[in-house]
Amino acid sequence: MSKQPRSALLLIDIQDGFLEPTFSVWGPSRSNPAFEKNAASLINTYRALVAKSAQHKIIHIQHSSDEVKWPKSPLRPSQPGFKFQDFASPKDDELVIVKHVNSAFIGTNLEEVLREHFAGTPGTLFIAGLSTDHCVSTTTRMAANLGVCNTSNGELGEVVLIGDATAAWAKGAGGDWADAETLHKVHIQSLQNEFATIGKTEDTRKLWEKWGADN
């Protein structure tokens, strides 16, 4: 990624509902205690880049749980948990796309937005957010399969999942549980190379700062 491409930062479901400790679907423990710090750092750095060049774009994905299917979900629009977490709250000029399923591409115009933004050039899509094994994984896989970063004549762009800017919860039932850190690592490694390049917060921030200095 030495050459500066058109890029987008996709922030998935960074909502207050994921702070809710009593909703059993999330699980009893979460991986990556540094998630909030890393995600906030990425957002601040990328916003500085966006301010310098229109070839970079922030997109916030907001999950809206079905009131009937998920009557206890804190991500229902009627609940306080639907709101974005303070550090990830969109600015007035930043796009918000509401989704209703795991993939941010299903039932939304995200694919069209990205293709229009990349403007026929090989683009780079950076992905961060919640949760690693659900909406982040599903969206990352679809971004790769749809080829949203690629051009119509076959030039390849890049999907970059910032692995330490996402998190997962422990999953299981009865005495058979997968701990949160293992679950997180397995899903990150499953996505690596075939679906995405796996990045780190500090390396990604340095790249963006370099891009900003070049503008």
N, C-alpha and C. Protein backbone atom coordinates (compact mmCIF):
# COMPACT_ATOMS: atom_id res chain seq x y z
N MET A 1 0.83 -1.21 0.00
CA MET A 1 0.00 0.00 0.00
C MET A 1 0.87 1.26 0.00
N SER A 2 1.97 1.26 -0.76
CA SER A 2 2.84 2.41 -0.77
C SER A 2 2.23 3.57 -1.54
N LYS A 3 1.52 3.27 -2.65
CA LYS A 3 0.85 4.31 -3.41
C LYS A 3 -0.47 4.65 -2.73
N GLN A 4 -0.79 5.95 -2.72
CA GLN A 4 -2.02 6.38 -2.04
C GLN A 4 -3.23 6.17 -2.93
N PRO A 5 -4.09 5.22 -2.60
CA PRO A 5 -5.30 4.99 -3.38
C PRO A 5 -6.47 5.80 -2.83
N ARG A 6 -7.58 5.78 -3.53
CA ARG A 6 -8.82 6.23 -2.90
C ARG A 6 -9.17 5.19 -1.84
N SER A 7 -9.66 5.66 -0.71
CA SER A 7 -9.93 4.72 0.38
C SER A 7 -11.20 5.09 1.14
N ALA A 8 -11.68 4.12 1.91
CA ALA A 8 -12.81 4.35 2.80
C ALA A 8 -12.56 3.60 4.11
N LEU A 9 -12.99 4.20 5.20
CA LEU A 9 -12.95 3.56 6.52
C LEU A 9 -14.37 3.17 6.89
N LEU A 10 -14.61 1.87 7.00
CA LEU A 10 -15.93 1.35 7.33
C LEU A 10 -15.95 0.97 8.81
N LEU A 11 -16.77 1.67 9.57
CA LEU A 11 -16.89 1.46 11.02
C LEU A 11 -18.20 0.73 11.29
N ILE A 12 -18.09 -0.51 11.75
CA ILE A 12 -19.26 -1.38 11.84
C ILE A 12 -19.81 -1.46 13.27
N ASP A 13 -21.03 -0.99 13.45
CA ASP A 13 -21.83 -1.25 14.66
C ASP A 13 -21.16 -0.85 15.97
N ILE A 14 -20.50 0.28 16.00
CA ILE A 14 -19.88 0.73 17.26
C ILE A 14 -20.96 1.48 18.05
N GLN A 15 -21.86 0.72 18.66
CA GLN A 15 -23.07 1.24 19.28
C GLN A 15 -23.10 0.95 20.78
N ASP A 16 -23.88 1.77 21.49
CA ASP A 16 -23.96 1.64 22.94
C ASP A 16 -24.50 0.28 23.38
N GLY A 17 -25.30 -0.35 22.53
CA GLY A 17 -25.87 -1.64 22.89
C GLY A 17 -24.83 -2.71 23.18
N PHE A 18 -23.64 -2.55 22.63
CA PHE A 18 -22.59 -3.53 22.89
C PHE A 18 -21.92 -3.30 24.24
N LEU A 19 -22.31 -2.25 24.92
CA LEU A 19 -21.84 -2.02 26.28
C LEU A 19 -22.77 -2.66 27.31
N GLU A 20 -23.90 -3.19 26.84
CA GLU A 20 -24.92 -3.77 27.72
C GLU A 20 -24.47 -5.13 28.23
N PRO A 21 -24.21 -5.27 29.54
CA PRO A 21 -23.65 -6.53 30.06
C PRO A 21 -24.67 -7.64 30.27
N THR A 22 -25.96 -7.31 30.28
CA THR A 22 -26.96 -8.31 30.63
C THR A 22 -27.55 -9.02 29.43
N PHE A 23 -27.21 -8.61 28.23
CA PHE A 23 -27.81 -9.23 27.05
C PHE A 23 -26.99 -10.47 26.68
N SER A 24 -27.56 -11.64 26.90
CA SER A 24 -26.80 -12.89 26.86
C SER A 24 -26.23 -13.23 25.50
N VAL A 25 -26.78 -12.68 24.42
CA VAL A 25 -26.27 -13.01 23.08
C VAL A 25 -24.81 -12.63 22.92
N TRP A 26 -24.37 -11.55 23.56
CA TRP A 26 -22.99 -11.11 23.38
C TRP A 26 -22.00 -12.10 23.99
N GLY A 27 -22.35 -12.69 25.11
CA GLY A 27 -21.43 -13.61 25.78
C GLY A 27 -20.89 -13.02 27.07
N PRO A 28 -20.33 -13.86 27.94
CA PRO A 28 -19.92 -13.43 29.28
C PRO A 28 -18.62 -12.64 29.33
N SER A 29 -17.83 -12.67 28.26
CA SER A 29 -16.57 -11.92 28.26
C SER A 29 -16.23 -11.49 26.84
N ARG A 30 -15.40 -10.44 26.73
CA ARG A 30 -15.05 -9.89 25.42
C ARG A 30 -13.55 -9.90 25.21
N SER A 31 -13.13 -10.08 23.99
CA SER A 31 -11.71 -10.01 23.65
C SER A 31 -11.26 -8.56 23.51
N ASN A 32 -9.97 -8.37 23.37
CA ASN A 32 -9.36 -7.10 23.00
C ASN A 32 -9.82 -5.91 23.84
N PRO A 33 -9.35 -5.80 25.08
CA PRO A 33 -9.70 -4.65 25.92
C PRO A 33 -9.30 -3.31 25.31
N ALA A 34 -8.38 -3.33 24.36
CA ALA A 34 -7.91 -2.09 23.73
C ALA A 34 -8.78 -1.65 22.55
N PHE A 35 -9.89 -2.36 22.31
CA PHE A 35 -10.71 -2.03 21.14
C PHE A 35 -11.09 -0.56 21.08
N GLU A 36 -11.68 -0.05 22.16
CA GLU A 36 -12.16 1.34 22.14
C GLU A 36 -11.02 2.32 21.90
N LYS A 37 -9.91 2.12 22.58
CA LYS A 37 -8.75 3.00 22.41
C LYS A 37 -8.25 2.96 20.97
N ASN A 38 -8.13 1.77 20.42
CA ASN A 38 -7.62 1.64 19.05
C ASN A 38 -8.58 2.23 18.03
N ALA A 39 -9.87 1.93 18.19
CA ALA A 39 -10.85 2.44 17.24
C ALA A 39 -10.92 3.97 17.29
N ALA A 40 -10.88 4.54 18.49
CA ALA A 40 -10.91 6.00 18.62
C ALA A 40 -9.69 6.63 17.96
N SER A 41 -8.54 6.01 18.15
CA SER A 41 -7.31 6.52 17.55
C SER A 41 -7.39 6.49 16.03
N LEU A 42 -7.92 5.40 15.49
CA LEU A 42 -8.09 5.30 14.04
C LEU A 42 -9.03 6.36 13.50
N ILE A 43 -10.14 6.54 14.18
CA ILE A 43 -11.13 7.52 13.73
C ILE A 43 -10.53 8.92 13.70
N ASN A 44 -9.84 9.30 14.75
CA ASN A 44 -9.24 10.64 14.81
C ASN A 44 -8.21 10.84 13.72
N THR A 45 -7.37 9.84 13.48
CA THR A 45 -6.34 9.97 12.46
C THR A 45 -6.94 10.02 11.07
N TYR A 46 -7.94 9.18 10.82
CA TYR A 46 -8.54 9.15 9.49
C TYR A 46 -9.33 10.42 9.21
N ARG A 47 -9.96 10.98 10.24
CA ARG A 47 -10.68 12.24 10.04
C ARG A 47 -9.73 13.35 9.61
N ALA A 48 -8.52 13.35 10.15
CA ALA A 48 -7.53 14.35 9.73
C ALA A 48 -7.17 14.15 8.27
N LEU A 49 -7.13 12.90 7.82
CA LEU A 49 -6.85 12.60 6.42
C LEU A 49 -8.00 13.04 5.52
N VAL A 50 -9.22 12.73 5.94
CA VAL A 50 -10.41 13.12 5.17
C VAL A 50 -10.47 14.64 5.00
N ALA A 51 -10.07 15.36 6.04
CA ALA A 51 -10.10 16.83 5.98
C ALA A 51 -9.16 17.38 4.92
N LYS A 52 -8.15 16.60 4.55
CA LYS A 52 -7.17 17.06 3.56
C LYS A 52 -7.49 16.61 2.14
N SER A 53 -8.29 15.56 2.00
CA SER A 53 -8.51 15.02 0.66
C SER A 53 -9.85 14.32 0.55
N ALA A 54 -10.59 14.64 -0.51
CA ALA A 54 -11.90 14.02 -0.75
C ALA A 54 -11.78 12.60 -1.26
N GLN A 55 -10.56 12.11 -1.49
CA GLN A 55 -10.43 10.74 -1.97
C GLN A 55 -10.52 9.72 -0.83
N HIS A 56 -10.74 10.23 0.39
CA HIS A 56 -10.91 9.36 1.55
C HIS A 56 -12.27 9.63 2.19
N LYS A 57 -12.92 8.57 2.69
CA LYS A 57 -14.32 8.69 3.13
C LYS A 57 -14.58 7.80 4.34
N ILE A 58 -15.28 8.34 5.34
CA ILE A 58 -15.71 7.56 6.50
C ILE A 58 -17.17 7.13 6.31
N ILE A 59 -17.43 5.85 6.57
CA ILE A 59 -18.80 5.33 6.51
C ILE A 59 -19.10 4.61 7.83
N HIS A 60 -20.17 5.03 8.49
CA HIS A 60 -20.60 4.41 9.73
C HIS A 60 -21.75 3.44 9.44
N ILE A 61 -21.61 2.20 9.91
CA ILE A 61 -22.69 1.23 9.80
C ILE A 61 -23.38 1.11 11.16
N GLN A 62 -24.71 1.18 11.13
CA GLN A 62 -25.49 1.14 12.37
C GLN A 62 -26.48 -0.02 12.28
N HIS A 63 -26.39 -0.95 13.23
CA HIS A 63 -27.28 -2.11 13.19
C HIS A 63 -28.62 -1.80 13.84
N SER A 64 -29.68 -2.18 13.15
CA SER A 64 -31.04 -2.00 13.66
C SER A 64 -31.69 -3.37 13.81
N SER A 65 -31.81 -3.85 15.04
CA SER A 65 -32.41 -5.16 15.29
C SER A 65 -33.92 -5.11 15.12
N ASP A 66 -34.48 -6.16 14.57
CA ASP A 66 -35.92 -6.26 14.39
C ASP A 66 -36.62 -6.33 15.75
N GLU A 67 -37.61 -5.49 15.94
CA GLU A 67 -38.30 -5.40 17.24
C GLU A 67 -39.02 -6.70 17.59
N VAL A 68 -39.50 -7.44 16.58
CA VAL A 68 -40.24 -8.67 16.82
C VAL A 68 -39.30 -9.86 16.95
N LYS A 69 -38.36 -9.99 16.02
CA LYS A 69 -37.45 -11.13 16.03
C LYS A 69 -36.48 -11.09 17.20
N TRP A 70 -36.04 -9.89 17.57
CA TRP A 70 -35.07 -9.72 18.66
C TRP A 70 -35.64 -8.76 19.71
N PRO A 71 -36.69 -9.20 20.44
CA PRO A 71 -37.39 -8.29 21.36
C PRO A 71 -36.56 -7.82 22.55
N LYS A 72 -35.43 -8.49 22.82
CA LYS A 72 -34.59 -8.08 23.94
C LYS A 72 -33.29 -7.42 23.49
N SER A 73 -33.12 -7.26 22.20
CA SER A 73 -31.86 -6.69 21.71
C SER A 73 -31.73 -5.22 22.08
N PRO A 74 -30.58 -4.81 22.62
CA PRO A 74 -30.35 -3.40 22.91
C PRO A 74 -30.07 -2.59 21.65
N LEU A 75 -29.99 -3.26 20.49
CA LEU A 75 -29.74 -2.55 19.23
C LEU A 75 -31.03 -2.23 18.48
N ARG A 76 -32.17 -2.41 19.12
CA ARG A 76 -33.43 -2.00 18.50
C ARG A 76 -33.48 -0.47 18.44
N PRO A 77 -34.07 0.09 17.38
CA PRO A 77 -34.13 1.55 17.25
C PRO A 77 -34.80 2.26 18.42
N SER A 78 -35.68 1.55 19.13
CA SER A 78 -36.40 2.16 20.25
C SER A 78 -35.56 2.21 21.52
N GLN A 79 -34.39 1.61 21.51
CA GLN A 79 -33.58 1.48 22.72
C GLN A 79 -32.39 2.44 22.72
N PRO A 80 -31.94 2.85 23.92
CA PRO A 80 -30.76 3.72 24.01
C PRO A 80 -29.52 3.11 23.37
N GLY A 81 -29.45 1.77 23.37
CA GLY A 81 -28.28 1.09 22.81
C GLY A 81 -28.14 1.20 21.32
N PHE A 82 -29.17 1.69 20.63
CA PHE A 82 -29.09 1.88 19.17
C PHE A 82 -28.10 2.99 18.83
N LYS A 83 -27.90 3.90 19.75
CA LYS A 83 -27.03 5.06 19.53
C LYS A 83 -25.57 4.64 19.39
N PHE A 84 -24.83 5.41 18.61
CA PHE A 84 -23.39 5.17 18.49
C PHE A 84 -22.69 5.49 19.81
N GLN A 85 -21.63 4.75 20.10
CA GLN A 85 -20.80 5.10 21.25
C GLN A 85 -20.19 6.47 21.02
N ASP A 86 -20.00 7.22 22.09
CA ASP A 86 -19.60 8.62 21.97
C ASP A 86 -18.36 8.82 21.11
N PHE A 87 -17.34 8.00 21.30
CA PHE A 87 -16.10 8.22 20.57
C PHE A 87 -16.24 7.94 19.07
N ALA A 88 -17.31 7.20 18.69
CA ALA A 88 -17.53 6.86 17.29
C ALA A 88 -18.74 7.57 16.70
N SER A 89 -19.24 8.57 17.39
CA SER A 89 -20.42 9.29 16.91
C SER A 89 -20.11 10.02 15.60
N PRO A 90 -20.93 9.82 14.57
CA PRO A 90 -20.63 10.43 13.27
C PRO A 90 -20.71 11.94 13.31
N LYS A 91 -19.85 12.58 12.54
CA LYS A 91 -19.96 14.01 12.31
C LYS A 91 -21.02 14.25 11.25
N ASP A 92 -21.47 15.50 11.14
CA ASP A 92 -22.59 15.82 10.26
C ASP A 92 -22.34 15.44 8.81
N ASP A 93 -21.08 15.51 8.37
CA ASP A 93 -20.78 15.24 6.97
C ASP A 93 -20.36 13.79 6.71
N GLU A 94 -20.50 12.92 7.70
CA GLU A 94 -20.11 11.52 7.55
C GLU A 94 -21.34 10.65 7.31
N LEU A 95 -21.22 9.74 6.36
CA LEU A 95 -22.34 8.91 5.94
C LEU A 95 -22.66 7.84 6.98
N VAL A 96 -23.95 7.68 7.26
CA VAL A 96 -24.45 6.60 8.13
C VAL A 96 -25.35 5.70 7.29
N ILE A 97 -25.07 4.41 7.33
CA ILE A 97 -25.89 3.42 6.63
C ILE A 97 -26.45 2.46 7.67
N VAL A 98 -27.76 2.31 7.71
CA VAL A 98 -28.42 1.41 8.66
C VAL A 98 -28.62 0.05 8.00
N LYS A 99 -28.25 -1.00 8.72
CA LYS A 99 -28.44 -2.36 8.22
C LYS A 99 -29.31 -3.15 9.19
N HIS A 100 -29.83 -4.28 8.71
CA HIS A 100 -30.74 -5.09 9.53
C HIS A 100 -30.28 -6.54 9.67
N VAL A 101 -29.20 -6.90 8.96
CA VAL A 101 -28.64 -8.25 9.06
C VAL A 101 -27.14 -8.12 9.28
N ASN A 102 -26.45 -9.26 9.34
CA ASN A 102 -25.02 -9.22 9.65
C ASN A 102 -24.20 -8.46 8.62
N SER A 103 -24.49 -8.68 7.34
CA SER A 103 -23.71 -8.03 6.29
C SER A 103 -24.17 -6.60 6.07
N ALA A 104 -23.20 -5.69 6.01
CA ALA A 104 -23.52 -4.29 5.72
C ALA A 104 -23.86 -4.07 4.25
N PHE A 105 -23.73 -5.12 3.43
CA PHE A 105 -24.04 -5.00 2.00
C PHE A 105 -25.45 -5.45 1.66
N ILE A 106 -26.12 -6.17 2.57
CA ILE A 106 -27.45 -6.70 2.28
C ILE A 106 -28.51 -5.68 2.65
N GLY A 107 -29.36 -5.34 1.68
CA GLY A 107 -30.45 -4.41 1.92
C GLY A 107 -30.01 -2.97 2.09
N THR A 108 -28.79 -2.64 1.65
CA THR A 108 -28.27 -1.27 1.74
C THR A 108 -27.66 -0.87 0.40
N ASN A 109 -27.24 0.38 0.32
CA ASN A 109 -26.56 0.86 -0.90
C ASN A 109 -25.06 0.94 -0.72
N LEU A 110 -24.50 0.19 0.25
CA LEU A 110 -23.08 0.29 0.54
C LEU A 110 -22.22 -0.03 -0.68
N GLU A 111 -22.56 -1.08 -1.41
CA GLU A 111 -21.75 -1.43 -2.58
C GLU A 111 -21.71 -0.28 -3.58
N GLU A 112 -22.86 0.31 -3.85
CA GLU A 112 -22.91 1.43 -4.80
C GLU A 112 -22.11 2.62 -4.30
N VAL A 113 -22.22 2.90 -3.00
CA VAL A 113 -21.48 4.02 -2.41
C VAL A 113 -19.98 3.83 -2.59
N LEU A 114 -19.50 2.62 -2.31
CA LEU A 114 -18.07 2.36 -2.42
C LEU A 114 -17.60 2.42 -3.86
N ARG A 115 -18.35 1.82 -4.77
CA ARG A 115 -17.93 1.83 -6.18
C ARG A 115 -17.90 3.26 -6.72
N GLU A 116 -18.88 4.05 -6.33
CA GLU A 116 -18.89 5.46 -6.76
C GLU A 116 -17.70 6.21 -6.18
N HIS A 117 -17.40 5.95 -4.90
CA HIS A 117 -16.29 6.65 -4.26
C HIS A 117 -14.95 6.26 -4.87
N PHE A 118 -14.76 4.98 -5.15
CA PHE A 118 -13.49 4.54 -5.72
C PHE A 118 -13.34 4.97 -7.18
N ALA A 119 -14.45 5.33 -7.81
CA ALA A 119 -14.45 6.00 -9.12
C ALA A 119 -13.65 5.25 -10.19
N GLY A 120 -13.83 3.94 -10.24
CA GLY A 120 -13.19 3.16 -11.28
C GLY A 120 -11.71 2.90 -11.08
N THR A 121 -11.19 3.24 -9.92
CA THR A 121 -9.79 2.99 -9.61
C THR A 121 -9.70 1.89 -8.55
N PRO A 122 -8.56 1.22 -8.42
CA PRO A 122 -8.42 0.23 -7.35
C PRO A 122 -8.46 0.92 -5.99
N GLY A 123 -9.44 0.59 -5.17
CA GLY A 123 -9.60 1.26 -3.88
C GLY A 123 -9.12 0.40 -2.72
N THR A 124 -9.02 1.04 -1.57
CA THR A 124 -8.69 0.33 -0.34
C THR A 124 -9.80 0.56 0.68
N LEU A 125 -10.37 -0.53 1.16
CA LEU A 125 -11.42 -0.46 2.16
C LEU A 125 -10.87 -0.94 3.49
N PHE A 126 -10.81 -0.03 4.46
CA PHE A 126 -10.38 -0.37 5.82
C PHE A 126 -11.62 -0.68 6.65
N ILE A 127 -11.56 -1.75 7.44
CA ILE A 127 -12.72 -2.18 8.23
C ILE A 127 -12.34 -2.31 9.70
N ALA A 128 -13.20 -1.77 10.57
CA ALA A 128 -13.05 -1.91 12.02
C ALA A 128 -14.45 -1.95 12.62
N GLY A 129 -14.57 -2.44 13.86
CA GLY A 129 -15.87 -2.41 14.52
C GLY A 129 -16.21 -3.70 15.22
N LEU A 130 -17.52 -3.95 15.36
CA LEU A 130 -18.04 -5.06 16.17
C LEU A 130 -19.08 -5.86 15.39
N SER A 131 -19.13 -7.16 15.65
CA SER A 131 -18.13 -7.93 16.37
C SER A 131 -17.37 -8.79 15.36
N THR A 132 -16.18 -9.24 15.75
CA THR A 132 -15.28 -9.91 14.83
C THR A 132 -15.94 -11.08 14.11
N ASP A 133 -16.62 -11.94 14.87
CA ASP A 133 -17.13 -13.19 14.31
C ASP A 133 -18.52 -13.07 13.69
N HIS A 134 -19.16 -11.93 13.84
CA HIS A 134 -20.50 -11.76 13.27
C HIS A 134 -20.46 -10.74 12.13
N CYS A 135 -20.80 -9.51 12.41
CA CYS A 135 -20.97 -8.53 11.34
C CYS A 135 -19.66 -8.13 10.67
N VAL A 136 -18.58 -8.09 11.42
CA VAL A 136 -17.29 -7.73 10.82
C VAL A 136 -16.83 -8.81 9.85
N SER A 137 -16.87 -10.06 10.28
CA SER A 137 -16.47 -11.16 9.41
C SER A 137 -17.36 -11.25 8.17
N THR A 138 -18.66 -11.19 8.37
CA THR A 138 -19.60 -11.31 7.26
C THR A 138 -19.39 -10.20 6.24
N THR A 139 -19.25 -8.98 6.71
CA THR A 139 -19.06 -7.84 5.82
C THR A 139 -17.72 -7.91 5.10
N THR A 140 -16.67 -8.32 5.81
CA THR A 140 -15.35 -8.45 5.19
C THR A 140 -15.38 -9.48 4.07
N ARG A 141 -16.00 -10.60 4.32
CA ARG A 141 -16.08 -11.66 3.31
C ARG A 141 -16.85 -11.17 2.08
N MET A 142 -17.95 -10.48 2.31
CA MET A 142 -18.75 -10.00 1.18
C MET A 142 -18.01 -8.92 0.40
N ALA A 143 -17.29 -8.06 1.09
CA ALA A 143 -16.52 -7.03 0.39
C ALA A 143 -15.53 -7.67 -0.58
N ALA A 144 -14.87 -8.73 -0.11
CA ALA A 144 -13.92 -9.44 -0.97
C ALA A 144 -14.63 -10.16 -2.11
N ASN A 145 -15.71 -10.87 -1.80
CA ASN A 145 -16.41 -11.63 -2.83
C ASN A 145 -17.05 -10.74 -3.89
N LEU A 146 -17.56 -9.60 -3.47
CA LEU A 146 -18.16 -8.65 -4.42
C LEU A 146 -17.11 -7.90 -5.22
N GLY A 147 -15.88 -7.90 -4.73
CA GLY A 147 -14.82 -7.17 -5.43
C GLY A 147 -15.05 -5.67 -5.44
N VAL A 148 -15.56 -5.13 -4.35
CA VAL A 148 -15.93 -3.71 -4.34
C VAL A 148 -14.73 -2.78 -4.49
N CYS A 149 -13.54 -3.29 -4.18
CA CYS A 149 -12.34 -2.45 -4.29
C CYS A 149 -11.66 -2.59 -5.65
N ASN A 150 -12.13 -3.52 -6.48
CA ASN A 150 -11.50 -3.80 -7.75
C ASN A 150 -12.12 -2.98 -8.87
N THR A 151 -11.41 -2.84 -9.97
CA THR A 151 -11.93 -2.12 -11.12
C THR A 151 -12.64 -3.08 -12.07
N SER A 152 -13.39 -2.52 -13.01
CA SER A 152 -14.13 -3.35 -13.96
C SER A 152 -13.22 -4.10 -14.91
N ASN A 153 -11.99 -3.63 -15.09
CA ASN A 153 -11.06 -4.31 -15.99
C ASN A 153 -10.07 -5.22 -15.24
N GLY A 154 -10.38 -5.49 -13.96
CA GLY A 154 -9.62 -6.50 -13.25
C GLY A 154 -8.47 -6.02 -12.39
N GLU A 155 -8.26 -4.70 -12.30
CA GLU A 155 -7.23 -4.21 -11.38
C GLU A 155 -7.71 -4.42 -9.95
N LEU A 156 -6.83 -4.95 -9.12
CA LEU A 156 -7.22 -5.33 -7.77
C LEU A 156 -6.98 -4.21 -6.76
N GLY A 157 -8.03 -3.94 -5.97
CA GLY A 157 -7.87 -3.08 -4.81
C GLY A 157 -7.58 -3.95 -3.59
N GLU A 158 -7.91 -3.43 -2.41
CA GLU A 158 -7.55 -4.17 -1.20
C GLU A 158 -8.57 -3.95 -0.09
N VAL A 159 -8.95 -5.03 0.57
CA VAL A 159 -9.74 -4.98 1.80
C VAL A 159 -8.78 -5.17 2.96
N VAL A 160 -8.78 -4.24 3.89
CA VAL A 160 -7.88 -4.30 5.04
C VAL A 160 -8.73 -4.35 6.32
N LEU A 161 -8.67 -5.46 7.02
CA LEU A 161 -9.33 -5.57 8.32
C LEU A 161 -8.32 -5.22 9.40
N ILE A 162 -8.62 -4.21 10.18
CA ILE A 162 -7.71 -3.78 11.25
C ILE A 162 -8.02 -4.64 12.47
N GLY A 163 -7.24 -5.70 12.62
CA GLY A 163 -7.59 -6.78 13.55
C GLY A 163 -7.66 -6.38 15.00
N ASP A 164 -6.84 -5.41 15.42
CA ASP A 164 -6.89 -5.01 16.82
C ASP A 164 -7.84 -3.84 17.05
N ALA A 165 -8.68 -3.57 16.05
CA ALA A 165 -9.74 -2.57 16.19
C ALA A 165 -11.10 -3.23 15.99
N THR A 166 -11.17 -4.47 16.41
CA THR A 166 -12.43 -5.20 16.46
C THR A 166 -12.39 -6.10 17.69
N ALA A 167 -13.50 -6.73 18.01
CA ALA A 167 -13.55 -7.56 19.22
C ALA A 167 -14.66 -8.59 19.09
N ALA A 168 -14.53 -9.66 19.88
CA ALA A 168 -15.52 -10.74 19.89
C ALA A 168 -15.87 -11.10 21.32
N TRP A 169 -16.99 -11.77 21.48
CA TRP A 169 -17.43 -12.25 22.79
C TRP A 169 -17.33 -13.77 22.86
N ALA A 170 -17.10 -14.29 24.05
CA ALA A 170 -17.09 -15.74 24.25
C ALA A 170 -18.44 -16.32 23.81
N LYS A 171 -18.39 -17.52 23.23
CA LYS A 171 -19.61 -18.16 22.74
C LYS A 171 -19.67 -19.60 23.23
N GLY A 172 -20.89 -20.08 23.44
CA GLY A 172 -21.03 -21.47 23.83
C GLY A 172 -22.33 -21.72 24.58
N ALA A 173 -22.46 -22.93 25.09
CA ALA A 173 -23.64 -23.32 25.86
C ALA A 173 -23.24 -24.42 26.83
N GLY A 174 -23.86 -24.42 27.98
CA GLY A 174 -23.53 -25.42 28.98
C GLY A 174 -22.07 -25.31 29.38
N GLY A 175 -21.35 -26.40 29.33
CA GLY A 175 -19.94 -26.37 29.69
C GLY A 175 -19.02 -26.26 28.49
N ASP A 176 -19.58 -26.09 27.30
CA ASP A 176 -18.78 -26.07 26.07
C ASP A 176 -18.68 -24.65 25.53
N TRP A 177 -17.60 -23.96 25.93
CA TRP A 177 -17.44 -22.56 25.55
C TRP A 177 -16.14 -22.34 24.80
N ALA A 178 -16.17 -21.40 23.86
CA ALA A 178 -14.96 -20.91 23.20
C ALA A 178 -14.66 -19.54 23.80
N ASP A 179 -13.46 -19.38 24.36
CA ASP A 179 -13.17 -18.10 25.00
C ASP A 179 -13.03 -17.00 23.97
N ALA A 180 -13.24 -15.78 24.41
CA ALA A 180 -13.33 -14.63 23.51
C ALA A 180 -12.05 -14.40 22.71
N GLU A 181 -10.90 -14.48 23.35
CA GLU A 181 -9.64 -14.21 22.65
C GLU A 181 -9.37 -15.26 21.57
N THR A 182 -9.64 -16.52 21.87
CA THR A 182 -9.44 -17.57 20.87
C THR A 182 -10.38 -17.38 19.70
N LEU A 183 -11.64 -17.09 20.00
CA LEU A 183 -12.63 -16.86 18.95
C LEU A 183 -12.20 -15.71 18.05
N HIS A 184 -11.76 -14.64 18.67
CA HIS A 184 -11.30 -13.46 17.93
C HIS A 184 -10.15 -13.82 17.00
N LYS A 185 -9.15 -14.50 17.53
CA LYS A 185 -7.96 -14.84 16.74
C LYS A 185 -8.30 -15.79 15.59
N VAL A 186 -9.14 -16.77 15.86
CA VAL A 186 -9.51 -17.73 14.81
C VAL A 186 -10.20 -17.02 13.65
N HIS A 187 -11.11 -16.12 13.96
CA HIS A 187 -11.83 -15.43 12.89
C HIS A 187 -10.92 -14.47 12.13
N ILE A 188 -10.04 -13.80 12.81
CA ILE A 188 -9.08 -12.93 12.13
C ILE A 188 -8.20 -13.75 11.19
N GLN A 189 -7.67 -14.84 11.69
CA GLN A 189 -6.79 -15.67 10.86
C GLN A 189 -7.53 -16.32 9.70
N SER A 190 -8.81 -16.63 9.89
CA SER A 190 -9.61 -17.21 8.81
C SER A 190 -9.81 -16.23 7.67
N LEU A 191 -9.81 -14.95 7.98
CA LEU A 191 -10.02 -13.92 6.95
C LEU A 191 -8.73 -13.53 6.25
N GLN A 192 -7.62 -13.76 6.90
CA GLN A 192 -6.34 -13.28 6.38
C GLN A 192 -6.01 -13.90 5.03
N ASN A 193 -5.56 -13.02 4.12
CA ASN A 193 -5.11 -13.38 2.78
C ASN A 193 -6.25 -13.70 1.82
N GLU A 194 -7.11 -14.66 2.14
CA GLU A 194 -8.17 -15.00 1.20
C GLU A 194 -9.20 -13.89 1.06
N PHE A 195 -9.54 -13.25 2.18
CA PHE A 195 -10.57 -12.21 2.16
C PHE A 195 -10.03 -10.82 2.43
N ALA A 196 -8.95 -10.71 3.16
CA ALA A 196 -8.46 -9.39 3.56
C ALA A 196 -6.99 -9.44 3.97
N THR A 197 -6.37 -8.29 3.89
CA THR A 197 -5.09 -8.08 4.56
C THR A 197 -5.41 -7.73 6.01
N ILE A 198 -4.69 -8.29 6.96
CA ILE A 198 -4.92 -7.96 8.36
C ILE A 198 -3.94 -6.88 8.78
N GLY A 199 -4.47 -5.74 9.19
CA GLY A 199 -3.64 -4.62 9.62
C GLY A 199 -3.67 -4.43 11.12
N LYS A 200 -2.78 -3.60 11.61
CA LYS A 200 -2.73 -3.22 13.02
C LYS A 200 -2.96 -1.71 13.13
N THR A 201 -3.52 -1.30 14.25
CA THR A 201 -3.88 0.10 14.44
C THR A 201 -2.70 1.03 14.23
N GLU A 202 -1.59 0.77 14.90
CA GLU A 202 -0.47 1.71 14.84
C GLU A 202 0.12 1.78 13.44
N ASP A 203 0.26 0.66 12.77
CA ASP A 203 0.79 0.67 11.41
C ASP A 203 -0.15 1.40 10.46
N THR A 204 -1.44 1.20 10.65
CA THR A 204 -2.43 1.85 9.79
C THR A 204 -2.44 3.36 10.01
N ARG A 205 -2.35 3.77 11.27
CA ARG A 205 -2.29 5.20 11.58
C ARG A 205 -1.07 5.85 10.93
N LYS A 206 0.06 5.19 10.99
CA LYS A 206 1.28 5.74 10.39
C LYS A 206 1.13 5.87 8.87
N LEU A 207 0.48 4.88 8.26
CA LEU A 207 0.23 4.96 6.82
C LEU A 207 -0.64 6.16 6.49
N TRP A 208 -1.73 6.35 7.25
CA TRP A 208 -2.62 7.48 7.00
C TRP A 208 -1.92 8.81 7.23
N GLU A 209 -1.09 8.88 8.25
CA GLU A 209 -0.35 10.11 8.51
C GLU A 209 0.59 10.42 7.35
N LYS A 210 1.19 9.38 6.77
CA LYS A 210 2.05 9.58 5.60
C LYS A 210 1.23 10.08 4.42
N TRP A 211 0.07 9.47 4.21
CA TRP A 211 -0.80 9.93 3.13
C TRP A 211 -1.18 11.39 3.34
N GLY A 212 -1.51 11.74 4.59
CA GLY A 212 -1.87 13.13 4.89
C GLY A 212 -0.74 14.09 4.60
N ALA A 213 0.48 13.68 4.91
CA ALA A 213 1.64 14.54 4.66
C ALA A 213 1.89 14.71 3.17
N ASP A 214 1.47 13.74 2.37
CA ASP A 214 1.68 13.80 0.92
C ASP A 214 0.65 14.67 0.22
N ASN A 215 -0.46 14.99 0.90
CA ASN A 215 -1.52 15.79 0.27
C ASN A 215 -1.20 17.28 0.33
